[in-house]
Amino acid sequence: MPPAGGGYTVTVADASPPGDALPLPLTDLADREDDGSELGWLRLASDHGVPLAPIVVVPARVESDFYRWNHLAPRWTQLLSAVDPRDPDEDDLEELLPRAAAWVMEHALLDGVVDAFYAALGDLPGRLTVRRPATDGLVAPRGRPALLALKRTWAAAWDVDAVLDRVAAGVGWLPPARPVLVHGADLRPDQGASAAASTVLGRPVSAWADGEGRIARLTPV
């Protein structure tokens, strides 16, 4: 059920401890995990009465726990040990990075985390978008395809351009864990919702809404 007065449902698939699926208001996540401003925008819009569609937020720590449980950070570091981060050779990266991404896909999440993820998707439509905030993301059916889309979203951090951007920004080789949003894929630009959100945020944004006019995505204009 939506929280009283909120007009939306947000569920967090959490991994602390494994297997928990914790209902958590978006306001509790936005300040800590505001990625590209979109989570913060959604929070402010909902606080001012703009209805949100059902959204599942997979917190960044689910990703970081997955890397830790599978000892991926030292393996990635060793894999890239011969590449100079001050002047990385793109040919070397193109050879090595597919292996780094493959390790994400090859390793399994804990059963409890998988169960929590599936349970969190229960109120979402059958056709979903899985995405980082401020990105388009991947479309997948609910269930195991959505789980694989989550892992593909993590693995995309090992695209050559993504790695070069991290190195140029001084972040280093390893990808920082970030939240992932999951919501219905059948959205459309909604002029009324865009106007309402733009008024609340004090800046022009495009709102993408479901068939009931509830927002699941905000993009800058």
Protein backbone atom coordinates (compact mmCIF):
# COMPACT_ATOMS: atom_id res chain seq x y z
CA MET A 1 0.00 0.00 0.00
CA PRO A 2 1.23 3.54 -0.67
CA PRO A 3 2.23 5.48 2.42
CA ALA A 4 -0.48 7.77 3.75
CA GLY A 5 -0.59 10.96 1.74
CA GLY A 6 2.30 9.94 -0.46
CA GLY A 7 0.49 8.61 -3.50
CA TYR A 8 3.37 6.35 -4.43
CA THR A 9 5.18 3.21 -3.38
CA VAL A 10 8.94 2.92 -3.10
CA THR A 11 10.50 -0.34 -1.96
CA VAL A 12 14.16 -0.92 -1.30
CA ALA A 13 15.74 -4.30 -1.96
CA ASP A 14 18.39 -4.31 0.75
CA ALA A 15 21.21 -6.70 1.58
CA SER A 16 21.91 -5.85 5.21
CA PRO A 17 21.26 -8.49 6.42
CA PRO A 18 20.87 -10.63 3.25
CA GLY A 19 17.30 -11.46 2.39
CA ASP A 20 15.63 -8.40 3.87
CA ALA A 21 13.27 -6.35 1.73
CA LEU A 22 12.77 -3.11 3.62
CA PRO A 23 10.07 -0.56 2.76
CA LEU A 24 11.84 2.78 2.96
CA PRO A 25 10.60 6.23 1.90
CA LEU A 26 12.50 7.82 -0.95
CA THR A 27 13.26 10.77 1.31
CA ASP A 28 15.49 8.52 3.40
CA LEU A 29 17.62 7.64 0.39
CA ALA A 30 17.78 10.84 -1.59
CA ASP A 31 20.29 12.82 0.43
CA ARG A 32 22.68 9.87 0.78
CA GLU A 33 22.40 8.47 -2.72
CA ASP A 34 21.55 11.40 -4.96
CA ASP A 35 23.00 10.43 -8.33
CA GLY A 36 22.80 13.04 -11.08
CA SER A 37 20.20 14.93 -9.01
CA GLU A 38 17.33 12.72 -10.17
CA LEU A 39 16.71 10.98 -6.83
CA GLY A 40 16.70 14.35 -5.12
CA TRP A 41 14.29 15.71 -7.72
CA LEU A 42 11.93 12.77 -7.25
CA ARG A 43 12.06 13.29 -3.49
CA LEU A 44 11.19 16.98 -3.75
CA ALA A 45 8.43 16.34 -6.27
CA SER A 46 6.82 13.72 -4.03
CA ASP A 47 7.20 15.94 -0.97
CA HIS A 48 5.15 18.57 -2.78
CA GLY A 49 2.36 16.21 -3.75
CA VAL A 50 3.44 15.19 -7.25
CA PRO A 51 2.49 11.49 -7.52
CA LEU A 52 5.23 8.97 -8.20
CA ALA A 53 4.82 5.59 -9.85
CA PRO A 54 5.93 2.48 -7.94
CA ILE A 55 9.73 2.47 -7.94
CA VAL A 56 12.22 -0.01 -6.52
CA VAL A 57 15.51 1.52 -5.41
CA VAL A 58 18.41 -0.93 -5.16
CA PRO A 59 20.81 0.88 -2.81
CA ALA A 60 24.47 1.32 -3.63
CA ARG A 61 25.46 -0.98 -0.78
CA VAL A 62 23.83 -3.95 -2.52
CA GLU A 63 26.36 -3.43 -5.30
CA SER A 64 29.30 -2.81 -2.96
CA ASP A 65 28.40 -5.90 -0.90
CA PHE A 66 28.32 -7.98 -4.09
CA TYR A 67 31.82 -6.81 -4.99
CA ARG A 68 33.08 -7.51 -1.47
CA TRP A 69 31.53 -10.96 -1.13
CA ASN A 70 33.07 -12.02 -4.44
CA HIS A 71 36.48 -10.39 -3.80
CA LEU A 72 36.26 -8.51 -7.06
CA ALA A 73 38.19 -5.36 -6.12
CA PRO A 74 41.56 -7.11 -5.68
CA ARG A 75 40.99 -9.13 -8.84
CA TRP A 76 40.21 -5.99 -10.84
CA THR A 77 43.24 -4.25 -9.38
CA GLN A 78 45.48 -7.15 -10.34
CA LEU A 79 43.96 -7.36 -13.81
CA LEU A 80 44.82 -3.72 -14.50
CA SER A 81 48.13 -3.63 -12.64
CA ALA A 82 50.19 -3.37 -15.84
CA VAL A 83 48.19 -0.42 -17.23
CA ASP A 84 49.44 3.07 -16.38
CA PRO A 85 46.45 4.99 -14.93
CA ARG A 86 48.16 8.28 -15.78
CA ASP A 87 48.19 7.43 -19.48
CA PRO A 88 46.09 4.30 -20.08
CA ASP A 89 46.45 2.59 -23.42
CA GLU A 90 43.00 2.10 -24.93
CA ASP A 91 44.08 -1.05 -26.75
CA ASP A 92 45.10 -2.59 -23.44
CA LEU A 93 41.79 -1.59 -21.89
CA GLU A 94 39.80 -3.00 -24.77
CA GLU A 95 41.58 -6.31 -24.23
CA LEU A 96 41.23 -6.42 -20.43
CA LEU A 97 37.92 -4.77 -19.60
CA PRO A 98 35.62 -7.44 -21.07
CA ARG A 99 37.12 -9.82 -18.50
CA ALA A 100 36.43 -7.33 -15.71
CA ALA A 101 32.80 -7.02 -16.82
CA ALA A 102 32.44 -10.79 -17.24
CA TRP A 103 33.32 -11.35 -13.57
CA VAL A 104 30.26 -9.30 -12.61
CA MET A 105 28.01 -11.47 -14.73
CA GLU A 106 29.62 -14.77 -13.71
CA HIS A 107 29.29 -14.33 -9.95
CA ALA A 108 25.99 -14.95 -8.21
CA LEU A 109 24.22 -12.75 -5.72
CA LEU A 110 23.37 -14.36 -2.40
CA ASP A 111 20.08 -16.26 -2.47
CA GLY A 112 18.59 -13.95 0.14
CA VAL A 113 19.41 -10.88 -1.93
CA VAL A 114 17.88 -12.46 -5.04
CA ASP A 115 14.73 -13.35 -3.09
CA ALA A 116 14.51 -9.81 -1.72
CA PHE A 117 14.91 -8.36 -5.22
CA TYR A 118 12.17 -10.55 -6.66
CA ALA A 119 9.86 -9.74 -3.76
CA ALA A 120 10.47 -6.01 -4.22
CA LEU A 121 9.40 -6.25 -7.87
CA GLY A 122 6.06 -7.80 -6.95
CA ASP A 123 4.03 -4.59 -7.30
CA LEU A 124 5.72 -3.44 -10.50
CA PRO A 125 4.46 -4.05 -14.05
CA GLY A 126 5.61 -7.02 -16.08
CA ARG A 127 7.82 -4.90 -18.34
CA LEU A 128 10.50 -2.95 -16.49
CA THR A 129 13.28 -0.44 -16.92
CA VAL A 130 16.44 -1.03 -14.87
CA ARG A 131 18.70 2.01 -14.77
CA ARG A 132 21.13 4.23 -12.97
CA PRO A 133 19.58 7.59 -12.10
CA ALA A 134 19.95 10.08 -14.94
CA THR A 135 20.37 7.31 -17.57
CA ASP A 136 18.06 5.49 -19.99
CA GLY A 137 18.82 2.01 -18.68
CA LEU A 138 17.77 -1.42 -19.91
CA VAL A 139 14.30 -2.84 -20.55
CA ALA A 140 13.60 -6.33 -19.24
CA PRO A 141 10.66 -8.49 -18.15
CA ARG A 142 10.04 -8.81 -14.42
CA GLY A 143 11.85 -11.71 -12.74
CA ARG A 144 15.19 -13.22 -13.68
CA PRO A 145 15.63 -11.02 -16.80
CA ALA A 146 15.37 -7.96 -14.56
CA LEU A 147 17.96 -9.44 -12.21
CA LEU A 148 20.32 -9.98 -15.13
CA ALA A 149 19.64 -6.42 -16.27
CA LEU A 150 20.70 -5.23 -12.81
CA LYS A 151 23.99 -7.08 -13.16
CA ARG A 152 24.47 -5.79 -16.72
CA THR A 153 23.97 -2.29 -15.34
CA TRP A 154 26.78 -2.92 -12.85
CA ALA A 155 28.97 -4.50 -15.53
CA ALA A 156 28.55 -1.44 -17.77
CA ALA A 157 30.91 0.38 -15.38
CA TRP A 158 33.67 -1.53 -17.21
CA ASP A 159 32.98 -0.01 -20.62
CA VAL A 160 36.14 1.63 -21.93
CA ASP A 161 34.61 5.12 -21.94
CA ALA A 162 33.31 4.69 -18.39
CA VAL A 163 36.74 3.63 -17.16
CA LEU A 164 38.51 6.48 -18.97
CA ASP A 165 36.03 8.94 -17.46
CA ARG A 166 36.76 7.60 -13.96
CA VAL A 167 40.50 7.82 -14.44
CA ALA A 168 40.26 11.34 -15.86
CA ALA A 169 38.15 12.39 -12.88
CA GLY A 170 40.71 10.96 -10.46
CA VAL A 171 38.36 8.23 -9.20
CA GLY A 172 40.67 5.37 -10.18
CA TRP A 173 40.02 2.05 -11.86
CA LEU A 174 37.35 0.68 -9.55
CA PRO A 175 33.72 1.69 -10.06
CA PRO A 176 31.99 3.44 -7.17
CA ALA A 177 28.80 1.68 -6.12
CA ARG A 178 25.68 3.66 -7.00
CA PRO A 179 21.94 3.11 -6.63
CA VAL A 180 19.81 1.56 -9.38
CA LEU A 181 16.15 2.36 -10.07
CA VAL A 182 13.63 -0.20 -11.31
CA HIS A 183 10.18 0.85 -12.51
CA GLY A 184 7.67 0.22 -15.26
CA ALA A 185 9.04 0.57 -18.78
CA ASP A 186 5.89 1.88 -20.41
CA LEU A 187 6.32 5.57 -19.69
CA ARG A 188 5.55 8.60 -21.80
CA PRO A 189 6.35 12.31 -21.53
CA ASP A 190 3.54 13.96 -19.56
CA GLN A 191 3.09 17.71 -20.02
CA GLY A 192 0.98 18.17 -16.91
CA ALA A 193 3.41 16.24 -14.70
CA SER A 194 6.34 18.07 -16.30
CA ALA A 195 4.78 21.43 -15.47
CA ALA A 196 4.04 20.37 -11.89
CA ALA A 197 7.54 19.01 -11.32
CA SER A 198 9.18 22.04 -12.95
CA THR A 199 7.24 24.36 -10.64
CA VAL A 200 8.28 22.39 -7.57
CA LEU A 201 11.93 22.10 -8.60
CA GLY A 202 12.26 25.68 -9.86
CA ARG A 203 13.84 24.50 -13.10
CA PRO A 204 12.46 23.05 -16.36
CA VAL A 205 12.32 19.25 -16.39
CA SER A 206 10.60 16.62 -18.46
CA ALA A 207 8.54 14.14 -16.47
CA TRP A 208 8.03 10.61 -17.73
CA ALA A 209 4.86 9.08 -16.34
CA ASP A 210 2.89 5.84 -16.39
CA GLY A 211 -0.67 5.46 -17.66
CA GLU A 212 -2.01 6.96 -14.44
CA GLY A 213 0.11 10.08 -14.73
CA ARG A 214 2.52 9.03 -11.95
CA ILE A 215 6.15 10.04 -12.46
CA ALA A 216 8.98 7.49 -12.62
CA ARG A 217 11.64 9.56 -14.36
CA LEU A 218 12.72 13.20 -14.48
CA THR A 219 15.15 14.57 -17.04
CA PRO A 220 16.53 18.12 -17.41
CA VAL A 221 15.30 20.19 -20.33
